[in-house]
Amino acid sequence: MKTFYSKGKKLSEEITEYYKGAVSYSFANKLLRKKDVKLNGVRVKTDQKTLVGDKIEVYVENQEGIHGQLVLSHKKARILKS
């Protein structure tokens, strides 16, 4: 799980900016749809505006997949955390 703090943008923009090109805008939206993102401790499903300092958690399974893009999953992260 990766945790970082918001700069006051939309969630999808925050995620793509944090991962610096490894995650596309559409992939960030897919993460939101799959509920692999928490905002201030609450799982979110929709892209929404954040406030400066909001805590964002993205569940990370592996650093990179076969195509060089990040592989993210809250299910496997939870299992590894246990």
Protein backbone atom coordinates (compact mmCIF):
# COMPACT_ATOMS: atom_id res chain seq x y z
CA MET A 1 0.00 0.00 0.00
CA LYS A 2 1.32 3.44 -0.93
CA THR A 3 0.22 6.43 1.13
CA PHE A 4 0.64 10.06 0.12
CA TYR A 5 -1.06 13.37 0.78
CA SER A 6 -3.19 15.44 -1.58
CA LYS A 7 -2.30 18.77 -3.13
CA GLY A 8 -5.94 19.75 -3.70
CA LYS A 9 -6.60 18.20 -7.13
CA LYS A 10 -8.95 15.46 -8.37
CA LEU A 11 -8.06 11.96 -7.18
CA SER A 12 -7.20 10.67 -10.65
CA GLU A 13 -4.81 13.59 -11.18
CA GLU A 14 -3.19 13.04 -7.78
CA ILE A 15 -2.57 9.35 -8.56
CA THR A 16 -1.12 9.98 -12.03
CA GLU A 17 1.10 12.76 -10.67
CA TYR A 18 2.33 10.64 -7.74
CA TYR A 19 3.30 7.73 -10.00
CA LYS A 20 4.87 10.10 -12.58
CA GLY A 21 3.71 8.55 -15.84
CA ALA A 22 3.67 4.91 -14.70
CA VAL A 23 -0.12 5.20 -14.26
CA SER A 24 -2.27 6.74 -16.96
CA TYR A 25 -5.37 8.85 -16.28
CA SER A 26 -7.66 6.05 -17.49
CA PHE A 27 -5.82 3.48 -15.32
CA ALA A 28 -6.23 5.78 -12.29
CA ASN A 29 -9.99 5.90 -12.99
CA LYS A 30 -10.02 2.10 -13.24
CA LEU A 31 -8.41 1.93 -9.79
CA LEU A 32 -11.18 4.14 -8.47
CA ARG A 33 -13.89 1.98 -10.06
CA LYS A 34 -12.32 -1.14 -8.51
CA LYS A 35 -12.21 0.63 -5.11
CA ASP A 36 -8.43 0.23 -4.85
CA VAL A 37 -8.11 3.78 -3.49
CA LYS A 38 -8.90 5.18 -0.04
CA LEU A 39 -9.39 8.87 0.71
CA ASN A 40 -8.98 9.72 4.40
CA GLY A 41 -9.50 6.06 5.35
CA VAL A 42 -12.67 5.55 3.28
CA ARG A 43 -12.70 3.52 0.07
CA VAL A 44 -13.91 5.65 -2.84
CA LYS A 45 -15.39 4.59 -6.16
CA THR A 46 -15.69 7.94 -7.96
CA ASP A 47 -13.20 10.59 -8.97
CA GLN A 48 -13.61 13.56 -6.68
CA LYS A 49 -11.89 16.77 -5.70
CA THR A 50 -9.56 16.51 -2.73
CA LEU A 51 -8.49 19.07 -0.18
CA VAL A 52 -4.86 19.90 0.50
CA GLY A 53 -3.50 17.38 3.01
CA ASP A 54 -6.10 14.65 2.43
CA LYS A 55 -4.60 11.19 2.95
CA ILE A 56 -4.67 9.03 -0.20
CA GLU A 57 -3.92 5.29 -0.05
CA VAL A 58 -3.42 3.21 -3.19
CA TYR A 59 -3.16 -0.56 -2.80
CA VAL A 60 -0.05 -1.88 -4.55
CA GLU A 61 0.31 -5.53 -5.55
CA ASN A 62 3.58 -5.39 -7.52
CA GLN A 63 5.68 -2.52 -8.70
CA GLU A 64 5.42 -3.35 -12.43
CA GLY A 65 3.57 -5.74 -14.69
CA ILE A 66 4.83 -7.28 -17.92
CA HIS A 67 4.06 -4.10 -19.87
CA GLY A 68 5.91 -1.84 -17.43
CA GLN A 69 2.73 -0.44 -15.86
CA LEU A 70 2.05 -0.66 -12.13
CA VAL A 71 -0.09 -3.56 -10.95
CA LEU A 72 -2.40 -2.55 -8.12
CA SER A 73 -4.87 -4.52 -6.03
CA HIS A 74 -6.38 -3.94 -2.58
CA LYS A 75 -7.24 -7.64 -2.18
CA LYS A 76 -3.67 -8.92 -2.43
CA ALA A 77 -2.31 -5.99 -0.43
CA ARG A 78 -4.71 -6.85 2.39
CA ILE A 79 -3.61 -10.50 2.33
CA LEU A 80 0.06 -9.51 2.44
CA LYS A 81 -0.62 -7.09 5.29
CA SER A 82 -2.21 -9.83 7.45
